[in-house]
PDB file of all heavy atoms in Angstrom:
ATOM      1  N   ALA A   1      89.224 109.551 137.168  1.00  0.00           N
ATOM      2  CA  ALA A   1      90.622 109.234 136.897  1.00  0.00           C
ATOM      3  C   ALA A   1      90.909 107.741 137.290  1.00  0.00           C
ATOM      4  O   ALA A   1      91.571 107.050 136.632  1.00  0.00           O
ATOM      5  CB  ALA A   1      91.545 110.189 137.704  1.00  0.00           C
ATOM      6  N   LEU A   2      90.410 107.398 138.496  1.00  0.00           N
ATOM      7  CA  LEU A   2      90.622 106.002 138.910  1.00  0.00           C
ATOM      8  C   LEU A   2      89.925 104.990 138.030  1.00  0.00           C
ATOM      9  O   LEU A   2      90.495 103.948 137.754  1.00  0.00           O
ATOM     10  CB  LEU A   2      90.120 105.861 140.342  1.00  0.00           C
ATOM     11  CG  LEU A   2      91.017 106.508 141.442  1.00  0.00           C
ATOM     12  CD1 LEU A   2      90.381 106.376 142.771  1.00  0.00           C
ATOM     13  CD2 LEU A   2      92.322 105.940 141.414  1.00  0.00           C
ATOM     14  N   PHE A   3      88.682 105.348 137.616  1.00  0.00           N
ATOM     15  CA  PHE A   3      87.972 104.426 136.685  1.00  0.00           C
ATOM     16  C   PHE A   3      88.757 104.173 135.448  1.00  0.00           C
ATOM     17  O   PHE A   3      88.977 103.104 135.076  1.00  0.00           O
ATOM     18  CB  PHE A   3      86.650 105.031 136.371  1.00  0.00           C
ATOM     19  CG  PHE A   3      85.881 104.186 135.250  1.00  0.00           C
ATOM     20  CD1 PHE A   3      85.366 102.964 135.571  1.00  0.00           C
ATOM     21  CD2 PHE A   3      85.793 104.744 134.004  1.00  0.00           C
ATOM     22  CE1 PHE A   3      84.703 102.178 134.559  1.00  0.00           C
ATOM     23  CE2 PHE A   3      85.154 104.073 133.058  1.00  0.00           C
ATOM     24  CZ  PHE A   3      84.606 102.795 133.252  1.00  0.00           C
ATOM     25  N   PHE A   4      89.252 105.253 134.778  1.00  0.00           N
ATOM     26  CA  PHE A   4      89.977 105.051 133.519  1.00  0.00           C
ATOM     27  C   PHE A   4      91.370 104.486 133.755  1.00  0.00           C
ATOM     28  O   PHE A   4      91.862 103.735 132.898  1.00  0.00           O
ATOM     29  CB  PHE A   4      90.088 106.394 132.769  1.00  0.00           C
ATOM     30  CG  PHE A   4      88.788 106.780 132.163  1.00  0.00           C
ATOM     31  CD1 PHE A   4      88.030 107.880 132.563  1.00  0.00           C
ATOM     32  CD2 PHE A   4      88.350 106.068 131.059  1.00  0.00           C
ATOM     33  CE1 PHE A   4      86.849 108.235 131.969  1.00  0.00           C
ATOM     34  CE2 PHE A   4      87.092 106.429 130.425  1.00  0.00           C
ATOM     35  CZ  PHE A   4      86.415 107.523 130.899  1.00  0.00           C
ATOM     36  N   PHE A   5      91.942 104.743 134.872  1.00  0.00           N
ATOM     37  CA  PHE A   5      93.213 104.103 135.235  1.00  0.00           C
ATOM     38  C   PHE A   5      93.082 102.589 135.380  1.00  0.00           C
ATOM     39  O   PHE A   5      93.858 101.840 134.808  1.00  0.00           O
ATOM     40  CB  PHE A   5      93.771 104.677 136.542  1.00  0.00           C
ATOM     41  CG  PHE A   5      95.062 104.024 136.983  1.00  0.00           C
ATOM     42  CD1 PHE A   5      96.269 104.262 136.333  1.00  0.00           C
ATOM     43  CD2 PHE A   5      95.046 103.138 138.049  1.00  0.00           C
ATOM     44  CE1 PHE A   5      97.416 103.637 136.791  1.00  0.00           C
ATOM     45  CE2 PHE A   5      96.157 102.525 138.491  1.00  0.00           C
ATOM     46  CZ  PHE A   5      97.375 102.756 137.866  1.00  0.00           C
ATOM     47  N   PHE A   6      92.067 102.191 136.075  1.00  0.00           N
ATOM     48  CA  PHE A   6      91.871 100.701 136.257  1.00  0.00           C
ATOM     49  C   PHE A   6      91.381 100.058 134.925  1.00  0.00           C
ATOM     50  O   PHE A   6      91.736  98.962 134.663  1.00  0.00           O
ATOM     51  CB  PHE A   6      90.747 100.441 137.368  1.00  0.00           C
ATOM     52  CG  PHE A   6      91.337 100.686 138.757  1.00  0.00           C
ATOM     53  CD1 PHE A   6      90.768 101.556 139.572  1.00  0.00           C
ATOM     54  CD2 PHE A   6      92.536 100.047 139.170  1.00  0.00           C
ATOM     55  CE1 PHE A   6      91.255 101.818 140.835  1.00  0.00           C
ATOM     56  CE2 PHE A   6      93.015 100.275 140.419  1.00  0.00           C
ATOM     57  CZ  PHE A   6      92.404 101.088 141.225  1.00  0.00           C
ATOM     58  N   LEU A   7      90.636 100.833 134.141  1.00  0.00           N
ATOM     59  CA  LEU A   7      90.293 100.329 132.826  1.00  0.00           C
ATOM     60  C   LEU A   7      91.462 100.092 131.884  1.00  0.00           C
ATOM     61  O   LEU A   7      91.639  99.138 131.217  1.00  0.00           O
ATOM     62  CB  LEU A   7      89.271 101.292 132.118  1.00  0.00           C
ATOM     63  CG  LEU A   7      88.670 100.781 130.809  1.00  0.00           C
ATOM     64  CD1 LEU A   7      87.790  99.617 131.078  1.00  0.00           C
ATOM     65  CD2 LEU A   7      87.900 101.982 130.184  1.00  0.00           C
ATOM     66  N   LEU A   8      92.425 101.102 132.029  1.00  0.00           N
ATOM     67  CA  LEU A   8      93.695 101.006 131.254  1.00  0.00           C
ATOM     68  C   LEU A   8      94.565  99.744 131.756  1.00  0.00           C
ATOM     69  O   LEU A   8      95.065  99.055 130.978  1.00  0.00           O
ATOM     70  CB  LEU A   8      94.489 102.345 131.353  1.00  0.00           C
ATOM     71  CG  LEU A   8      95.791 102.335 130.637  1.00  0.00           C
ATOM     72  CD1 LEU A   8      95.525 102.438 129.103  1.00  0.00           C
ATOM     73  CD2 LEU A   8      96.549 103.611 131.078  1.00  0.00           C
ATOM     74  N   CYS A   9      94.547  99.610 133.069  1.00  0.00           N
ATOM     75  CA  CYS A   9      95.305  98.530 133.653  1.00  0.00           C
ATOM     76  C   CYS A   9      94.647  97.202 133.159  1.00  0.00           C
ATOM     77  O   CYS A   9      95.442  96.215 132.901  1.00  0.00           O
ATOM     78  CB  CYS A   9      95.339  98.593 135.179  1.00  0.00           C
ATOM     79  SG  CYS A   9      96.365  99.886 135.777  1.00  0.00           S
ATOM     80  N   PHE A  10      93.338  97.098 133.155  1.00  0.00           N
ATOM     81  CA  PHE A  10      92.676  95.857 132.632  1.00  0.00           C
ATOM     82  C   PHE A  10      93.073  95.585 131.211  1.00  0.00           C
ATOM     83  O   PHE A  10      93.383  94.439 130.906  1.00  0.00           O
ATOM     84  CB  PHE A  10      91.187  96.071 132.814  1.00  0.00           C
ATOM     85  CG  PHE A  10      90.423  94.916 132.225  1.00  0.00           C
ATOM     86  CD1 PHE A  10      90.420  93.655 132.889  1.00  0.00           C
ATOM     87  CD2 PHE A  10      89.724  95.056 131.049  1.00  0.00           C
ATOM     88  CE1 PHE A  10      89.689  92.616 132.292  1.00  0.00           C
ATOM     89  CE2 PHE A  10      89.016  93.947 130.468  1.00  0.00           C
ATOM     90  CZ  PHE A  10      88.956  92.775 131.146  1.00  0.00           C
ATOM     91  N   PHE A  11      92.999  96.552 130.282  1.00  0.00           N
ATOM     92  CA  PHE A  11      93.362  96.385 128.925  1.00  0.00           C
ATOM     93  C   PHE A  11      94.844  95.974 128.816  1.00  0.00           C
ATOM     94  O   PHE A  11      95.195  95.172 127.972  1.00  0.00           O
ATOM     95  CB  PHE A  11      93.064  97.533 128.032  1.00  0.00           C
ATOM     96  CG  PHE A  11      91.535  97.629 127.768  1.00  0.00           C
ATOM     97  CD1 PHE A  11      90.942  98.899 127.951  1.00  0.00           C
ATOM     98  CD2 PHE A  11      90.822  96.588 127.333  1.00  0.00           C
ATOM     99  CE1 PHE A  11      89.542  98.988 127.724  1.00  0.00           C
ATOM    100  CE2 PHE A  11      89.456  96.738 127.026  1.00  0.00           C
ATOM    101  CZ  PHE A  11      88.826  97.956 127.230  1.00  0.00           C
ATOM    102  N   LEU A  12      95.727  96.571 129.636  1.00  0.00           N
ATOM    103  CA  LEU A  12      97.118  96.211 129.620  1.00  0.00           C
ATOM    104  C   LEU A  12      97.298  94.711 130.018  1.00  0.00           C
ATOM    105  O   LEU A  12      98.101  94.019 129.397  1.00  0.00           O
ATOM    106  CB  LEU A  12      97.966  97.168 130.496  1.00  0.00           C
ATOM    107  CG  LEU A  12      99.413  96.819 130.593  1.00  0.00           C
ATOM    108  CD1 LEU A  12     100.091  97.119 129.276  1.00  0.00           C
ATOM    109  CD2 LEU A  12     100.060  97.719 131.594  1.00  0.00           C
ATOM    110  N   LEU A  13      96.610  94.319 131.013  1.00  0.00           N
ATOM    111  CA  LEU A  13      96.760  92.931 131.485  1.00  0.00           C
ATOM    112  C   LEU A  13      96.243  92.013 130.390  1.00  0.00           C
ATOM    113  O   LEU A  13      96.826  90.941 130.184  1.00  0.00           O
ATOM    114  CB  LEU A  13      95.872  92.757 132.766  1.00  0.00           C
ATOM    115  CG  LEU A  13      95.949  91.342 133.430  1.00  0.00           C
ATOM    116  CD1 LEU A  13      97.326  91.138 133.861  1.00  0.00           C
ATOM    117  CD2 LEU A  13      94.961  91.343 134.538  1.00  0.00           C
ATOM    118  N   VAL A  14      95.026  92.314 129.763  1.00  0.00           N
ATOM    119  CA  VAL A  14      94.573  91.502 128.694  1.00  0.00           C
ATOM    120  C   VAL A  14      95.631  91.352 127.523  1.00  0.00           C
ATOM    121  O   VAL A  14      95.814  90.277 126.988  1.00  0.00           O
ATOM    122  CB  VAL A  14      93.252  91.990 128.153  1.00  0.00           C
ATOM    123  CG1 VAL A  14      92.789  91.290 126.865  1.00  0.00           C
ATOM    124  CG2 VAL A  14      92.149  91.807 129.269  1.00  0.00           C
ATOM    125  N   THR A  15      96.227  92.512 127.188  1.00  0.00           N
ATOM    126  CA  THR A  15      97.211  92.491 126.081  1.00  0.00           C
ATOM    127  C   THR A  15      98.407  91.643 126.478  1.00  0.00           C
ATOM    128  O   THR A  15      98.970  90.932 125.635  1.00  0.00           O
ATOM    129  CB  THR A  15      97.656  93.967 125.788  1.00  0.00           C
ATOM    130  OG1 THR A  15      96.474  94.720 125.478  1.00  0.00           O
ATOM    131  CG2 THR A  15      98.576  93.978 124.630  1.00  0.00           C
ATOM    132  N   ILE A  16      98.876  91.684 127.732  1.00  0.00           N
ATOM    133  CA  ILE A  16     100.022  90.928 128.175  1.00  0.00           C
ATOM    134  C   ILE A  16      99.703  89.437 128.069  1.00  0.00           C
ATOM    135  O   ILE A  16     100.489  88.668 127.599  1.00  0.00           O
ATOM    136  CB  ILE A  16     100.426  91.361 129.582  1.00  0.00           C
ATOM    137  CG1 ILE A  16     101.045  92.736 129.597  1.00  0.00           C
ATOM    138  CG2 ILE A  16     101.385  90.329 130.201  1.00  0.00           C
ATOM    139  CD1 ILE A  16     101.306  93.311 130.965  1.00  0.00           C
ATOM    140  N   VAL A  17      98.474  89.046 128.484  1.00  0.00           N
ATOM    141  CA  VAL A  17      98.119  87.644 128.425  1.00  0.00           C
ATOM    142  C   VAL A  17      98.029  87.176 127.019  1.00  0.00           C
ATOM    143  O   VAL A  17      98.462  86.069 126.661  1.00  0.00           O
ATOM    144  CB  VAL A  17      96.791  87.448 129.205  1.00  0.00           C
ATOM    145  CG1 VAL A  17      96.196  86.067 128.894  1.00  0.00           C
ATOM    146  CG2 VAL A  17      96.906  87.636 130.676  1.00  0.00           C
ATOM    147  N   ARG A  18      97.497  87.970 126.114  1.00  0.00           N
ATOM    148  CA  ARG A  18      97.316  87.592 124.735  1.00  0.00           C
ATOM    149  C   ARG A  18      98.748  87.499 124.011  1.00  0.00           C
ATOM    150  O   ARG A  18      98.978  86.534 123.259  1.00  0.00           O
ATOM    151  CB  ARG A  18      96.497  88.563 123.970  1.00  0.00           C
ATOM    152  CG  ARG A  18      95.005  88.439 124.344  1.00  0.00           C
ATOM    153  CD  ARG A  18      94.082  89.254 123.459  1.00  0.00           C
ATOM    154  NE  ARG A  18      94.174  88.652 122.117  1.00  0.00           N
ATOM    155  CZ  ARG A  18      93.558  89.189 121.075  1.00  0.00           C
ATOM    156  NH1 ARG A  18      92.932  90.327 121.227  1.00  0.00           N
ATOM    157  NH2 ARG A  18      93.670  88.661 119.901  1.00  0.00           N
ATOM    158  N   CYS A  19      99.629  88.393 124.373  1.00  0.00           N
ATOM    159  CA  CYS A  19     100.958  88.423 123.809  1.00  0.00           C
ATOM    160  C   CYS A  19     101.787  87.132 124.383  1.00  0.00           C
ATOM    161  O   CYS A  19     102.519  86.539 123.597  1.00  0.00           O
ATOM    162  CB  CYS A  19     101.733  89.645 124.089  1.00  0.00           C
ATOM    163  SG  CYS A  19     101.194  91.079 123.138  1.00  0.00           S
ATOM    164  N   ALA A  20     101.628  86.859 125.672  1.00  0.00           N
ATOM    165  CA  ALA A  20     102.248  85.711 126.146  1.00  0.00           C
ATOM    166  C   ALA A  20     101.739  84.398 125.582  1.00  0.00           C
ATOM    167  O   ALA A  20     102.489  83.482 125.266  1.00  0.00           O
ATOM    168  CB  ALA A  20     102.037  85.623 127.725  1.00  0.00           C
ATOM    169  N   HIS A  21     100.433  84.409 125.308  1.00  0.00           N
ATOM    170  CA  HIS A  21      99.844  83.194 124.639  1.00  0.00           C
ATOM    171  C   HIS A  21     100.399  83.066 123.158  1.00  0.00           C
ATOM    172  O   HIS A  21     100.625  81.943 122.776  1.00  0.00           O
ATOM    173  CB  HIS A  21      98.316  83.355 124.588  1.00  0.00           C
ATOM    174  CG  HIS A  21      97.639  82.141 123.967  1.00  0.00           C
ATOM    175  ND1 HIS A  21      97.176  82.157 122.676  1.00  0.00           N
ATOM    176  CD2 HIS A  21      97.340  80.942 124.485  1.00  0.00           C
ATOM    177  CE1 HIS A  21      96.624  81.001 122.430  1.00  0.00           C
ATOM    178  NE2 HIS A  21      96.717  80.264 123.428  1.00  0.00           N
ATOM    179  N   LEU A  22     100.619  84.118 122.561  1.00  0.00           N
ATOM    180  CA  LEU A  22     101.139  84.172 121.173  1.00  0.00           C
ATOM    181  C   LEU A  22     102.537  83.688 121.151  1.00  0.00           C
ATOM    182  O   LEU A  22     103.011  82.925 120.316  1.00  0.00           O
ATOM    183  CB  LEU A  22     101.033  85.567 120.548  1.00  0.00           C
ATOM    184  CG  LEU A  22     101.597  85.734 119.127  1.00  0.00           C
ATOM    185  CD1 LEU A  22     100.744  85.009 118.118  1.00  0.00           C
ATOM    186  CD2 LEU A  22     101.642  87.249 118.764  1.00  0.00           C
ATOM    187  N   VAL A  23     103.328  84.112 122.141  1.00  0.00           N
ATOM    188  CA  VAL A  23     104.709  83.727 122.207  1.00  0.00           C
ATOM    189  C   VAL A  23     104.868  82.243 122.562  1.00  0.00           C
ATOM    190  O   VAL A  23     105.658  81.549 122.016  1.00  0.00           O
ATOM    191  CB  VAL A  23     105.490  84.593 123.313  1.00  0.00           C
ATOM    192  CG1 VAL A  23     106.871  83.989 123.620  1.00  0.00           C
ATOM    193  CG2 VAL A  23     105.625  86.003 122.785  1.00  0.00           C
ATOM    194  N   LEU A  24     104.022  81.700 123.437  1.00  0.00           N
ATOM    195  CA  LEU A  24     104.135  80.319 123.818  1.00  0.00           C
ATOM    196  C   LEU A  24     103.664  79.366 122.740  1.00  0.00           C
ATOM    197  O   LEU A  24     104.166  78.323 122.499  1.00  0.00           O
ATOM    198  CB  LEU A  24     103.286  80.108 125.083  1.00  0.00           C
ATOM    199  CG  LEU A  24     103.879  80.690 126.367  1.00  0.00           C
ATOM    200  CD1 LEU A  24     102.970  80.534 127.525  1.00  0.00           C
ATOM    201  CD2 LEU A  24     105.248  80.278 126.723  1.00  0.00           C
ATOM    202  N   ASP A  25     102.587  79.761 122.051  1.00  0.00           N
ATOM    203  CA  ASP A  25     102.066  78.889 120.938  1.00  0.00           C
ATOM    204  C   ASP A  25     101.649  79.740 119.773  1.00  0.00           C
ATOM    205  O   ASP A  25     100.478  80.088 119.580  1.00  0.00           O
ATOM    206  CB  ASP A  25     100.796  78.186 121.563  1.00  0.00           C
ATOM    207  CG  ASP A  25     100.397  77.016 120.653  1.00  0.00           C
ATOM    208  OD1 ASP A  25     101.085  76.714 119.677  1.00  0.00           O
ATOM    209  OD2 ASP A  25      99.336  76.431 120.888  1.00  0.00           O
ATOM    210  N   PRO A  26     102.620  80.140 118.883  1.00  0.00           N
ATOM    211  CA  PRO A  26     102.375  81.049 117.843  1.00  0.00           C
ATOM    212  C   PRO A  26     101.393  80.461 116.743  1.00  0.00           C
ATOM    213  O   PRO A  26     100.701  81.195 116.079  1.00  0.00           O
ATOM    214  CB  PRO A  26     103.664  81.386 117.267  1.00  0.00           C
ATOM    215  CG  PRO A  26     104.558  80.259 117.722  1.00  0.00           C
ATOM    216  CD  PRO A  26     104.044  79.704 118.961  1.00  0.00           C
ATOM    217  N   TYR A  27     101.459  79.189 116.504  1.00  0.00           N
ATOM    218  CA  TYR A  27     100.669  78.589 115.427  1.00  0.00           C
ATOM    219  C   TYR A  27      99.194  78.524 115.734  1.00  0.00           C
ATOM    220  O   TYR A  27      98.326  78.470 114.853  1.00  0.00           O
ATOM    221  CB  TYR A  27     101.235  77.163 115.109  1.00  0.00           C
ATOM    222  CG  TYR A  27     102.616  77.296 114.529  1.00  0.00           C
ATOM    223  CD1 TYR A  27     103.684  76.829 115.345  1.00  0.00           C
ATOM    224  CD2 TYR A  27     102.891  77.837 113.332  1.00  0.00           C
ATOM    225  CE1 TYR A  27     104.954  76.916 114.795  1.00  0.00           C
ATOM    226  CE2 TYR A  27     104.159  77.991 112.846  1.00  0.00           C
ATOM    227  CZ  TYR A  27     105.189  77.491 113.547  1.00  0.00           C
ATOM    228  OH  TYR A  27     106.449  77.643 113.165  1.00  0.00           O
ATOM    229  N   SER A  28      98.885  78.453 117.007  1.00  0.00           N
ATOM    230  CA  SER A  28      97.352  78.486 117.398  1.00  0.00           C
ATOM    231  C   SER A  28      96.765  79.800 117.207  1.00  0.00           C
ATOM    232  O   SER A  28      95.525  79.928 117.047  1.00  0.00           O
ATOM    233  CB  SER A  28      97.184  77.920 118.783  1.00  0.00           C
ATOM    234  OG  SER A  28      97.650  78.857 119.686  1.00  0.00           O
ATOM    235  N   ALA A  29      97.583  80.850 117.178  1.00  0.00           N
ATOM    236  CA  ALA A  29      96.995  82.215 117.048  1.00  0.00           C
ATOM    237  C   ALA A  29      96.635  82.593 115.579  1.00  0.00           C
ATOM    238  O   ALA A  29      95.814  83.414 115.392  1.00  0.00           O
ATOM    239  CB  ALA A  29      98.020  83.211 117.526  1.00  0.00           C
ATOM    240  N   VAL A  30      97.169  81.813 114.663  1.00  0.00           N
ATOM    241  CA  VAL A  30      96.851  82.033 113.256  1.00  0.00           C
ATOM    242  C   VAL A  30      95.560  81.204 112.948  1.00  0.00           C
ATOM    243  O   VAL A  30      95.487  80.050 113.205  1.00  0.00           O
ATOM    244  CB  VAL A  30      97.988  81.537 112.313  1.00  0.00           C
ATOM    245  CG1 VAL A  30      97.600  81.665 110.901  1.00  0.00           C
ATOM    246  CG2 VAL A  30      99.246  82.281 112.596  1.00  0.00           C
TER     247      VAL A  30
END
């Protein structure tokens, strides 16, 4: 349970960083 919880938190953190990058500079993501 802890392993999958931390794995889920890691993917959530990666998604947040990628979305923030997309919001800050949308043209570089294309």
